Amino acid sequence: GYTYGEETHRLGQEYPDTVHAKSEAPIAKFDQSDPYETHEFPDGMLPGYTGYIPQRKYQLGNRYRTESDACLIGTKAAYEDA
């Protein structure tokens, strides 16, 4: 087998019609601030973070926000019942 780069290069040479041509249209630029520089994330969450959530072992298939909200609700209910 070939590596991904070797295979795509070989296929690009073999089938030149599949190589995308560059457009002559002007590129529109938008002034968008980088949230990593401004530290302005919605609700203090980092986008795309899928890390550890305390008390949520073996929970797979949901987004971090969904699991962290469920964890907070469960923890709050446990403390209120105690």
N, C-alpha and C. Protein backbone atom coordinates (compact mmCIF):
# COMPACT_ATOMS: atom_id res chain seq x y z
N GLY A 1 0.78 -1.17 0.00
CA GLY A 1 0.00 0.00 0.00
C GLY A 1 0.84 1.26 0.00
N TYR A 2 0.16 2.29 -0.39
CA TYR A 2 0.75 3.62 -0.41
C TYR A 2 0.29 4.41 0.81
N THR A 3 1.02 5.44 1.15
CA THR A 3 0.55 6.36 2.18
C THR A 3 -0.56 7.21 1.57
N TYR A 4 -1.29 7.92 2.42
CA TYR A 4 -2.38 8.77 1.93
C TYR A 4 -1.86 9.81 0.93
N GLY A 5 -0.76 10.44 1.26
CA GLY A 5 -0.19 11.45 0.36
C GLY A 5 0.24 10.89 -0.97
N GLU A 6 0.90 9.72 -0.93
CA GLU A 6 1.34 9.09 -2.18
C GLU A 6 0.14 8.68 -3.03
N GLU A 7 -0.87 8.11 -2.39
CA GLU A 7 -2.05 7.64 -3.13
C GLU A 7 -2.82 8.80 -3.76
N THR A 8 -3.03 9.88 -3.02
CA THR A 8 -3.76 11.02 -3.59
C THR A 8 -2.95 11.68 -4.70
N HIS A 9 -1.63 11.74 -4.56
CA HIS A 9 -0.80 12.30 -5.63
C HIS A 9 -0.90 11.43 -6.88
N ARG A 10 -0.82 10.13 -6.70
CA ARG A 10 -0.90 9.20 -7.84
C ARG A 10 -2.27 9.30 -8.52
N LEU A 11 -3.34 9.36 -7.72
CA LEU A 11 -4.68 9.47 -8.31
C LEU A 11 -4.88 10.81 -9.00
N GLY A 12 -4.29 11.88 -8.45
CA GLY A 12 -4.38 13.18 -9.09
C GLY A 12 -3.69 13.21 -10.44
N GLN A 13 -2.59 12.48 -10.57
CA GLN A 13 -1.88 12.39 -11.84
C GLN A 13 -2.66 11.52 -12.83
N GLU A 14 -3.29 10.47 -12.32
CA GLU A 14 -4.01 9.54 -13.19
C GLU A 14 -5.35 10.11 -13.65
N TYR A 15 -6.02 10.87 -12.79
CA TYR A 15 -7.33 11.45 -13.11
C TYR A 15 -7.26 12.96 -12.91
N PRO A 16 -6.71 13.70 -13.88
CA PRO A 16 -6.53 15.15 -13.69
C PRO A 16 -7.84 15.93 -13.63
N ASP A 17 -8.94 15.35 -14.13
CA ASP A 17 -10.22 16.07 -14.09
C ASP A 17 -10.75 16.20 -12.67
N THR A 18 -10.28 15.37 -11.76
CA THR A 18 -10.78 15.43 -10.39
C THR A 18 -10.04 16.46 -9.54
N VAL A 19 -8.95 17.01 -10.05
CA VAL A 19 -8.22 18.04 -9.32
C VAL A 19 -9.00 19.33 -9.43
N HIS A 20 -9.24 19.98 -8.29
CA HIS A 20 -10.05 21.20 -8.28
C HIS A 20 -9.24 22.38 -8.81
N ALA A 21 -9.88 23.14 -9.68
CA ALA A 21 -9.24 24.34 -10.21
C ALA A 21 -9.45 25.48 -9.22
N LYS A 22 -8.53 26.43 -9.22
CA LYS A 22 -8.66 27.58 -8.34
C LYS A 22 -9.60 28.59 -8.97
N SER A 23 -10.44 29.17 -8.16
CA SER A 23 -11.41 30.15 -8.62
C SER A 23 -10.75 31.52 -8.74
N GLU A 24 -11.21 32.29 -9.70
CA GLU A 24 -10.73 33.65 -9.88
C GLU A 24 -11.56 34.65 -9.09
N ALA A 25 -12.60 34.19 -8.41
CA ALA A 25 -13.46 35.07 -7.64
C ALA A 25 -12.69 35.64 -6.45
N PRO A 26 -12.97 36.90 -6.10
CA PRO A 26 -12.27 37.48 -4.95
C PRO A 26 -12.71 36.80 -3.65
N ILE A 27 -11.80 36.75 -2.71
CA ILE A 27 -12.09 36.13 -1.42
C ILE A 27 -12.63 37.20 -0.49
N ALA A 28 -13.83 36.94 0.05
CA ALA A 28 -14.43 37.88 0.99
C ALA A 28 -13.86 37.61 2.38
N LYS A 29 -13.35 38.66 3.01
CA LYS A 29 -12.78 38.51 4.35
C LYS A 29 -13.74 39.10 5.37
N PHE A 30 -13.91 38.38 6.46
CA PHE A 30 -14.78 38.81 7.53
C PHE A 30 -13.95 39.05 8.78
N ASP A 31 -14.28 40.09 9.50
CA ASP A 31 -13.58 40.38 10.74
C ASP A 31 -14.22 39.56 11.86
N GLN A 32 -13.61 38.44 12.18
CA GLN A 32 -14.12 37.59 13.24
C GLN A 32 -13.04 37.48 14.30
N SER A 33 -13.40 37.83 15.52
CA SER A 33 -12.40 37.75 16.59
C SER A 33 -12.15 36.29 16.93
N ASP A 34 -10.94 36.01 17.30
CA ASP A 34 -10.55 34.66 17.67
C ASP A 34 -10.92 34.43 19.13
N PRO A 35 -11.84 33.48 19.42
CA PRO A 35 -12.26 33.29 20.81
C PRO A 35 -11.12 32.82 21.71
N TYR A 36 -10.09 32.23 21.14
CA TYR A 36 -8.96 31.80 21.95
C TYR A 36 -8.11 32.99 22.40
N GLU A 37 -8.19 34.12 21.68
CA GLU A 37 -7.48 35.32 22.10
C GLU A 37 -8.31 36.15 23.06
N THR A 38 -9.61 36.25 22.81
CA THR A 38 -10.48 37.07 23.64
C THR A 38 -11.01 36.32 24.85
N HIS A 39 -10.93 35.00 24.84
CA HIS A 39 -11.44 34.15 25.92
C HIS A 39 -12.93 34.37 26.14
N GLU A 40 -13.68 34.60 25.08
CA GLU A 40 -15.12 34.80 25.17
C GLU A 40 -15.83 33.57 24.63
N PHE A 41 -15.91 32.53 25.45
CA PHE A 41 -16.61 31.31 25.06
C PHE A 41 -18.00 31.34 25.68
N PRO A 42 -19.01 30.83 24.99
CA PRO A 42 -20.35 30.82 25.56
C PRO A 42 -20.39 29.95 26.81
N ASP A 43 -20.93 30.50 27.88
CA ASP A 43 -21.10 29.79 29.15
C ASP A 43 -19.78 29.26 29.70
N GLY A 44 -18.66 29.82 29.29
CA GLY A 44 -17.38 29.38 29.82
C GLY A 44 -16.91 28.03 29.29
N MET A 45 -17.57 27.49 28.28
CA MET A 45 -17.20 26.19 27.73
C MET A 45 -16.19 26.36 26.60
N LEU A 46 -15.30 25.41 26.46
CA LEU A 46 -14.38 25.39 25.34
C LEU A 46 -15.01 24.60 24.20
N PRO A 47 -15.08 25.15 23.00
CA PRO A 47 -15.71 24.43 21.89
C PRO A 47 -14.95 23.17 21.53
N GLY A 48 -15.68 22.09 21.38
CA GLY A 48 -15.09 20.83 20.97
C GLY A 48 -14.44 20.04 22.09
N TYR A 49 -14.47 20.54 23.33
CA TYR A 49 -13.84 19.83 24.44
C TYR A 49 -14.65 18.59 24.79
N THR A 50 -13.99 17.46 24.86
CA THR A 50 -14.68 16.20 25.18
C THR A 50 -13.97 15.50 26.33
N GLY A 51 -13.51 16.27 27.28
CA GLY A 51 -12.70 15.72 28.35
C GLY A 51 -13.47 15.10 29.49
N TYR A 52 -12.79 14.94 30.59
CA TYR A 52 -13.28 14.24 31.77
C TYR A 52 -14.36 15.05 32.47
N ILE A 53 -15.43 14.38 32.87
CA ILE A 53 -16.49 14.97 33.66
C ILE A 53 -16.60 14.16 34.95
N PRO A 54 -16.36 14.76 36.11
CA PRO A 54 -16.46 14.00 37.35
C PRO A 54 -17.85 13.41 37.53
N GLN A 55 -17.93 12.22 38.08
CA GLN A 55 -19.16 11.50 38.38
C GLN A 55 -19.93 11.09 37.13
N ARG A 56 -19.33 11.10 35.97
CA ARG A 56 -20.00 10.67 34.74
C ARG A 56 -19.19 9.58 34.07
N LYS A 57 -18.95 8.50 34.79
CA LYS A 57 -18.19 7.39 34.22
C LYS A 57 -19.06 6.61 33.25
N TYR A 58 -18.45 6.10 32.23
CA TYR A 58 -19.08 5.20 31.26
C TYR A 58 -20.23 5.84 30.50
N GLN A 59 -20.22 7.13 30.32
CA GLN A 59 -21.24 7.82 29.54
C GLN A 59 -20.62 8.17 28.20
N LEU A 60 -21.12 7.56 27.15
CA LEU A 60 -20.56 7.77 25.82
C LEU A 60 -21.63 8.26 24.86
N GLY A 61 -21.24 8.99 23.87
CA GLY A 61 -22.12 9.35 22.77
C GLY A 61 -22.77 10.71 22.87
N ASN A 62 -22.55 11.45 23.95
CA ASN A 62 -23.12 12.78 24.05
C ASN A 62 -22.02 13.83 24.00
N ARG A 63 -22.44 15.06 23.77
CA ARG A 63 -21.50 16.17 23.79
C ARG A 63 -21.14 16.53 25.22
N TYR A 64 -20.05 17.23 25.40
CA TYR A 64 -19.58 17.62 26.73
C TYR A 64 -20.64 18.44 27.44
N ARG A 65 -21.24 19.38 26.74
CA ARG A 65 -22.24 20.25 27.37
C ARG A 65 -23.42 19.43 27.89
N THR A 66 -23.90 18.48 27.12
CA THR A 66 -25.03 17.65 27.52
C THR A 66 -24.68 16.84 28.76
N GLU A 67 -23.52 16.21 28.76
CA GLU A 67 -23.12 15.38 29.90
C GLU A 67 -22.83 16.22 31.14
N SER A 68 -22.20 17.39 30.97
CA SER A 68 -21.90 18.21 32.14
C SER A 68 -23.17 18.77 32.75
N ASP A 69 -24.16 19.14 31.93
CA ASP A 69 -25.44 19.59 32.46
C ASP A 69 -26.14 18.48 33.23
N ALA A 70 -26.14 17.26 32.68
CA ALA A 70 -26.76 16.13 33.37
C ALA A 70 -26.05 15.84 34.68
N CYS A 71 -24.75 15.96 34.70
CA CYS A 71 -23.98 15.72 35.93
C CYS A 71 -24.32 16.77 36.98
N LEU A 72 -24.40 18.03 36.58
CA LEU A 72 -24.73 19.09 37.54
C LEU A 72 -26.13 18.92 38.10
N ILE A 73 -27.08 18.55 37.27
CA ILE A 73 -28.45 18.33 37.73
C ILE A 73 -28.50 17.18 38.72
N GLY A 74 -27.82 16.08 38.40
CA GLY A 74 -27.80 14.92 39.29
C GLY A 74 -27.12 15.21 40.61
N THR A 75 -26.01 15.94 40.57
CA THR A 75 -25.29 16.28 41.80
C THR A 75 -26.10 17.23 42.67
N LYS A 76 -26.74 18.21 42.05
CA LYS A 76 -27.56 19.16 42.80
C LYS A 76 -28.73 18.44 43.46
N ALA A 77 -29.37 17.52 42.74
CA ALA A 77 -30.49 16.77 43.31
C ALA A 77 -30.03 15.90 44.47
N ALA A 78 -28.85 15.29 44.36
CA ALA A 78 -28.33 14.45 45.45
C ALA A 78 -28.06 15.27 46.70
N TYR A 79 -27.52 16.48 46.56
CA TYR A 79 -27.26 17.33 47.72
C TYR A 79 -28.55 17.86 48.33
N GLU A 80 -29.55 18.15 47.51
CA GLU A 80 -30.82 18.65 48.03
C GLU A 80 -31.58 17.57 48.78
N ASP A 81 -31.46 16.32 48.33
CA ASP A 81 -32.14 15.20 48.99
C ASP A 81 -31.45 14.82 50.30
N ALA A 82 -30.18 15.14 50.45
CA ALA A 82 -29.43 14.73 51.65
C ALA A 82 -29.71 15.62 52.83
